[in-house]
Amino acid sequence: MSSRTAADGITIRWSGVQQELTIKKMFKPLVQKEILKRVSGCAYAGETLAIMGPSGAGKTSLLNILAGRSPVNGGQVFVNGTAVDASILRQLSVYVMQGSKQQE
């Protein structure tokens, strides 16, 4: 990683990110399901990014990858231009999932 400080901000870029899951059903062979297919994008330092799409589009899967919670099956994630793995992403990024019920 470079010698940038937190004050400089962090830009996260992802290129060709892919994710597949193996689904096991009783009495049926394992099935590979493609969750993300060559997804690319960038979250620039100091800017807000909205990830929108229908249910099942892979929004949470992408956020899990960018937060280092899930493995990448293909593609690469970069922080300030440097390729990083999940352990670095876990140190730099976090998100809080929205609850399904509003708390009073």
N, C-alpha and C. Protein backbone atom coordinates (compact mmCIF):
# COMPACT_ATOMS: atom_id res chain seq x y z
N MET A 1 0.84 -1.18 0.00
CA MET A 1 0.00 0.00 0.00
C MET A 1 0.89 1.24 0.00
N SER A 2 0.33 2.34 -0.48
CA SER A 2 1.10 3.57 -0.55
C SER A 2 1.15 4.24 0.82
N SER A 3 1.82 5.38 0.88
CA SER A 3 1.98 6.09 2.15
C SER A 3 0.87 7.11 2.37
N ARG A 4 -0.27 6.94 1.74
CA ARG A 4 -1.39 7.86 1.92
C ARG A 4 -1.90 7.76 3.35
N THR A 5 -2.49 8.83 3.84
CA THR A 5 -3.08 8.83 5.17
C THR A 5 -4.60 8.80 5.04
N ALA A 6 -5.28 8.57 6.16
CA ALA A 6 -6.74 8.53 6.16
C ALA A 6 -7.32 9.87 5.71
N ALA A 7 -6.59 10.96 5.97
CA ALA A 7 -7.07 12.29 5.57
C ALA A 7 -7.13 12.41 4.05
N ASP A 8 -6.33 11.64 3.33
CA ASP A 8 -6.32 11.69 1.86
C ASP A 8 -7.57 11.03 1.29
N GLY A 9 -8.22 10.18 2.06
CA GLY A 9 -9.39 9.46 1.58
C GLY A 9 -8.99 8.17 0.89
N ILE A 10 -9.97 7.33 0.70
CA ILE A 10 -9.73 6.03 0.09
C ILE A 10 -10.65 5.87 -1.10
N THR A 11 -10.09 5.50 -2.23
CA THR A 11 -10.86 5.18 -3.42
C THR A 11 -10.79 3.68 -3.62
N ILE A 12 -11.95 3.05 -3.73
CA ILE A 12 -12.02 1.60 -3.96
C ILE A 12 -12.54 1.37 -5.37
N ARG A 13 -11.79 0.61 -6.15
CA ARG A 13 -12.20 0.27 -7.51
C ARG A 13 -12.24 -1.23 -7.64
N TRP A 14 -13.24 -1.75 -8.32
CA TRP A 14 -13.33 -3.19 -8.55
C TRP A 14 -13.51 -3.42 -10.05
N SER A 15 -12.86 -4.46 -10.52
CA SER A 15 -12.85 -4.72 -11.96
C SER A 15 -13.06 -6.20 -12.23
N GLY A 16 -14.08 -6.52 -13.02
CA GLY A 16 -14.34 -7.90 -13.42
C GLY A 16 -14.66 -8.84 -12.28
N VAL A 17 -15.23 -8.31 -11.19
CA VAL A 17 -15.51 -9.12 -10.01
C VAL A 17 -16.57 -10.17 -10.32
N GLN A 18 -16.27 -11.39 -9.93
CA GLN A 18 -17.20 -12.50 -10.12
C GLN A 18 -17.35 -13.25 -8.81
N GLN A 19 -18.54 -13.80 -8.62
CA GLN A 19 -18.75 -14.64 -7.44
C GLN A 19 -19.73 -15.75 -7.81
N GLU A 20 -19.38 -16.95 -7.42
CA GLU A 20 -20.24 -18.11 -7.62
C GLU A 20 -20.46 -18.80 -6.28
N LEU A 21 -21.62 -19.37 -6.12
CA LEU A 21 -21.93 -20.15 -4.92
C LEU A 21 -22.27 -21.57 -5.33
N THR A 22 -21.90 -22.51 -4.48
CA THR A 22 -22.27 -23.90 -4.70
C THR A 22 -23.50 -24.18 -3.86
N ILE A 23 -24.55 -24.63 -4.53
CA ILE A 23 -25.81 -24.89 -3.85
C ILE A 23 -26.01 -26.40 -3.77
N LYS A 24 -26.28 -26.86 -2.56
CA LYS A 24 -26.51 -28.28 -2.34
C LYS A 24 -27.97 -28.50 -1.95
N LYS A 25 -28.65 -29.31 -2.73
CA LYS A 25 -30.03 -29.66 -2.43
C LYS A 25 -30.08 -31.15 -2.12
N MET A 26 -30.98 -31.51 -1.25
CA MET A 26 -31.10 -32.92 -0.87
C MET A 26 -31.37 -33.79 -2.09
N PHE A 27 -30.62 -34.86 -2.19
CA PHE A 27 -30.79 -35.87 -3.23
C PHE A 27 -30.58 -35.34 -4.65
N LYS A 28 -29.90 -34.21 -4.77
CA LYS A 28 -29.60 -33.64 -6.09
C LYS A 28 -28.13 -33.29 -6.14
N PRO A 29 -27.55 -33.28 -7.34
CA PRO A 29 -26.13 -32.92 -7.46
C PRO A 29 -25.89 -31.45 -7.10
N LEU A 30 -24.63 -31.15 -6.74
CA LEU A 30 -24.27 -29.76 -6.45
C LEU A 30 -24.47 -28.91 -7.69
N VAL A 31 -24.92 -27.67 -7.47
CA VAL A 31 -25.18 -26.74 -8.56
C VAL A 31 -24.38 -25.47 -8.31
N GLN A 32 -23.67 -24.98 -9.33
CA GLN A 32 -22.95 -23.71 -9.24
C GLN A 32 -23.89 -22.60 -9.71
N LYS A 33 -24.06 -21.57 -8.88
CA LYS A 33 -24.90 -20.45 -9.25
C LYS A 33 -24.04 -19.19 -9.32
N GLU A 34 -24.10 -18.51 -10.46
CA GLU A 34 -23.35 -17.28 -10.65
C GLU A 34 -24.11 -16.13 -10.00
N ILE A 35 -23.47 -15.48 -9.02
CA ILE A 35 -24.09 -14.39 -8.28
C ILE A 35 -23.70 -13.05 -8.90
N LEU A 36 -22.42 -12.87 -9.17
CA LEU A 36 -21.91 -11.66 -9.82
C LEU A 36 -21.13 -12.07 -11.07
N LYS A 37 -21.34 -11.38 -12.16
CA LYS A 37 -20.68 -11.73 -13.42
C LYS A 37 -19.93 -10.50 -13.96
N ARG A 38 -18.61 -10.50 -13.76
CA ARG A 38 -17.72 -9.44 -14.26
C ARG A 38 -18.25 -8.03 -13.97
N VAL A 39 -18.42 -7.73 -12.70
CA VAL A 39 -18.92 -6.43 -12.26
C VAL A 39 -17.74 -5.49 -12.03
N SER A 40 -17.85 -4.27 -12.52
CA SER A 40 -16.80 -3.27 -12.34
C SER A 40 -17.41 -1.96 -11.85
N GLY A 41 -16.63 -1.21 -11.09
CA GLY A 41 -17.11 0.08 -10.60
C GLY A 41 -16.08 0.76 -9.74
N CYS A 42 -16.44 1.92 -9.19
CA CYS A 42 -15.51 2.68 -8.37
C CYS A 42 -16.27 3.50 -7.35
N ALA A 43 -15.76 3.53 -6.14
CA ALA A 43 -16.27 4.39 -5.08
C ALA A 43 -15.15 5.39 -4.77
N TYR A 44 -15.35 6.63 -5.19
CA TYR A 44 -14.32 7.65 -5.05
C TYR A 44 -14.31 8.26 -3.66
N ALA A 45 -13.13 8.58 -3.17
CA ALA A 45 -12.96 9.23 -1.87
C ALA A 45 -13.78 10.50 -1.82
N GLY A 46 -14.51 10.69 -0.72
CA GLY A 46 -15.28 11.92 -0.51
C GLY A 46 -16.60 11.97 -1.24
N GLU A 47 -16.99 10.91 -1.96
CA GLU A 47 -18.25 10.90 -2.67
C GLU A 47 -19.17 9.81 -2.12
N THR A 48 -20.45 9.96 -2.37
CA THR A 48 -21.43 8.98 -1.96
C THR A 48 -21.75 8.08 -3.15
N LEU A 49 -21.86 6.79 -2.90
CA LEU A 49 -22.18 5.83 -3.95
C LEU A 49 -23.44 5.09 -3.57
N ALA A 50 -24.37 4.99 -4.50
CA ALA A 50 -25.59 4.21 -4.29
C ALA A 50 -25.52 2.96 -5.17
N ILE A 51 -25.77 1.81 -4.58
CA ILE A 51 -25.83 0.56 -5.34
C ILE A 51 -27.29 0.13 -5.33
N MET A 52 -27.91 0.17 -6.51
CA MET A 52 -29.34 -0.11 -6.60
C MET A 52 -29.59 -1.25 -7.58
N GLY A 53 -30.67 -1.96 -7.35
CA GLY A 53 -31.07 -3.03 -8.24
C GLY A 53 -32.17 -3.84 -7.61
N PRO A 54 -32.79 -4.70 -8.39
CA PRO A 54 -33.89 -5.52 -7.87
C PRO A 54 -33.39 -6.57 -6.88
N SER A 55 -34.31 -7.16 -6.17
CA SER A 55 -34.00 -8.23 -5.25
C SER A 55 -33.29 -9.36 -6.00
N GLY A 56 -32.20 -9.84 -5.42
CA GLY A 56 -31.45 -10.93 -6.04
C GLY A 56 -30.43 -10.50 -7.08
N ALA A 57 -30.23 -9.18 -7.24
CA ALA A 57 -29.31 -8.68 -8.25
C ALA A 57 -27.84 -8.80 -7.84
N GLY A 58 -27.56 -9.02 -6.56
CA GLY A 58 -26.19 -9.17 -6.10
C GLY A 58 -25.63 -7.98 -5.34
N LYS A 59 -26.50 -7.05 -4.93
CA LYS A 59 -26.03 -5.86 -4.22
C LYS A 59 -25.30 -6.22 -2.93
N THR A 60 -25.93 -7.05 -2.11
CA THR A 60 -25.30 -7.45 -0.84
C THR A 60 -24.06 -8.27 -1.09
N SER A 61 -24.07 -9.12 -2.10
CA SER A 61 -22.88 -9.92 -2.43
C SER A 61 -21.71 -9.00 -2.79
N LEU A 62 -21.97 -7.95 -3.56
CA LEU A 62 -20.90 -7.00 -3.91
C LEU A 62 -20.40 -6.29 -2.66
N LEU A 63 -21.30 -5.81 -1.81
CA LEU A 63 -20.88 -5.14 -0.58
C LEU A 63 -20.07 -6.07 0.32
N ASN A 64 -20.47 -7.34 0.39
CA ASN A 64 -19.70 -8.31 1.19
C ASN A 64 -18.29 -8.47 0.65
N ILE A 65 -18.12 -8.47 -0.65
CA ILE A 65 -16.79 -8.56 -1.25
C ILE A 65 -15.98 -7.31 -0.92
N LEU A 66 -16.58 -6.14 -1.10
CA LEU A 66 -15.86 -4.88 -0.87
C LEU A 66 -15.52 -4.66 0.60
N ALA A 67 -16.24 -5.32 1.50
CA ALA A 67 -15.93 -5.23 2.93
C ALA A 67 -15.03 -6.38 3.39
N GLY A 68 -14.65 -7.25 2.46
CA GLY A 68 -13.76 -8.37 2.81
C GLY A 68 -14.47 -9.50 3.52
N ARG A 69 -15.79 -9.55 3.48
CA ARG A 69 -16.56 -10.60 4.16
C ARG A 69 -16.70 -11.86 3.31
N SER A 70 -16.63 -11.71 1.99
CA SER A 70 -16.83 -12.84 1.07
C SER A 70 -15.67 -12.92 0.09
N PRO A 71 -15.35 -14.14 -0.36
CA PRO A 71 -14.26 -14.29 -1.34
C PRO A 71 -14.69 -13.87 -2.75
N VAL A 72 -13.71 -13.51 -3.55
CA VAL A 72 -13.93 -13.17 -4.95
C VAL A 72 -13.50 -14.38 -5.78
N ASN A 73 -14.35 -14.81 -6.71
CA ASN A 73 -14.00 -15.94 -7.57
C ASN A 73 -13.30 -15.49 -8.84
N GLY A 74 -13.29 -14.21 -9.09
CA GLY A 74 -12.61 -13.67 -10.27
C GLY A 74 -12.61 -12.16 -10.17
N GLY A 75 -11.72 -11.53 -10.91
CA GLY A 75 -11.61 -10.08 -10.88
C GLY A 75 -10.68 -9.62 -9.77
N GLN A 76 -10.66 -8.30 -9.55
CA GLN A 76 -9.72 -7.72 -8.60
C GLN A 76 -10.33 -6.49 -7.96
N VAL A 77 -9.94 -6.24 -6.71
CA VAL A 77 -10.34 -5.04 -5.98
C VAL A 77 -9.07 -4.23 -5.71
N PHE A 78 -9.17 -2.92 -5.93
CA PHE A 78 -8.03 -2.01 -5.76
C PHE A 78 -8.38 -0.92 -4.75
N VAL A 79 -7.44 -0.58 -3.91
CA VAL A 79 -7.58 0.54 -2.98
C VAL A 79 -6.49 1.54 -3.32
N ASN A 80 -6.92 2.74 -3.70
CA ASN A 80 -5.98 3.79 -4.13
C ASN A 80 -4.99 3.27 -5.16
N GLY A 81 -5.49 2.43 -6.08
CA GLY A 81 -4.68 1.94 -7.19
C GLY A 81 -3.87 0.69 -6.90
N THR A 82 -3.89 0.20 -5.68
CA THR A 82 -3.13 -0.99 -5.31
C THR A 82 -4.07 -2.18 -5.14
N ALA A 83 -3.76 -3.29 -5.81
CA ALA A 83 -4.58 -4.51 -5.67
C ALA A 83 -4.51 -4.99 -4.22
N VAL A 84 -5.66 -5.35 -3.67
CA VAL A 84 -5.72 -5.80 -2.28
C VAL A 84 -6.53 -7.09 -2.17
N ASP A 85 -6.34 -7.78 -1.04
CA ASP A 85 -7.12 -8.99 -0.79
C ASP A 85 -8.12 -8.71 0.34
N ALA A 86 -8.88 -9.73 0.70
CA ALA A 86 -9.96 -9.57 1.69
C ALA A 86 -9.43 -9.09 3.04
N SER A 87 -8.23 -9.52 3.43
CA SER A 87 -7.73 -9.11 4.75
C SER A 87 -7.51 -7.60 4.82
N ILE A 88 -7.04 -6.99 3.76
CA ILE A 88 -6.86 -5.53 3.72
C ILE A 88 -8.22 -4.84 3.70
N LEU A 89 -9.16 -5.38 2.90
CA LEU A 89 -10.49 -4.78 2.82
C LEU A 89 -11.18 -4.80 4.19
N ARG A 90 -10.99 -5.85 4.96
CA ARG A 90 -11.60 -5.93 6.30
C ARG A 90 -11.06 -4.84 7.22
N GLN A 91 -9.83 -4.42 6.99
CA GLN A 91 -9.24 -3.37 7.82
C GLN A 91 -9.72 -1.98 7.40
N LEU A 92 -10.11 -1.82 6.13
CA LEU A 92 -10.42 -0.50 5.60
C LEU A 92 -11.89 -0.19 5.43
N SER A 93 -12.73 -1.19 5.30
CA SER A 93 -14.12 -0.91 4.97
C SER A 93 -15.07 -1.70 5.86
N VAL A 94 -16.25 -1.12 6.02
CA VAL A 94 -17.29 -1.73 6.83
C VAL A 94 -18.63 -1.17 6.37
N TYR A 95 -19.66 -1.95 6.54
CA TYR A 95 -21.01 -1.42 6.33
C TYR A 95 -21.94 -2.07 7.32
N VAL A 96 -23.04 -1.38 7.60
CA VAL A 96 -24.05 -1.89 8.52
C VAL A 96 -25.26 -2.25 7.68
N MET A 97 -25.69 -3.52 7.79
CA MET A 97 -26.84 -3.97 7.01
C MET A 97 -28.11 -3.35 7.58
N GLN A 98 -29.03 -3.02 6.69
CA GLN A 98 -30.32 -2.49 7.09
C GLN A 98 -31.16 -3.61 7.69
N GLY A 99 -31.80 -3.34 8.80
CA GLY A 99 -32.68 -4.33 9.41
C GLY A 99 -33.99 -4.44 8.65
N SER A 100 -34.63 -5.59 8.76
CA SER A 100 -35.88 -5.78 8.06
C SER A 100 -37.06 -5.15 8.80
N LYS A 101 -36.87 -4.84 10.09
CA LYS A 101 -37.91 -4.20 10.88
C LYS A 101 -37.36 -2.90 11.46
N GLN A 102 -38.20 -1.89 11.46
CA GLN A 102 -37.78 -0.63 12.07
C GLN A 102 -37.82 -0.75 13.57
N GLN A 103 -36.80 -0.23 14.22
CA GLN A 103 -36.78 -0.23 15.67
C GLN A 103 -37.41 1.03 16.19
N GLU A 104 -38.19 0.90 17.25
CA GLU A 104 -38.87 2.07 17.81
C GLU A 104 -38.10 2.64 18.97
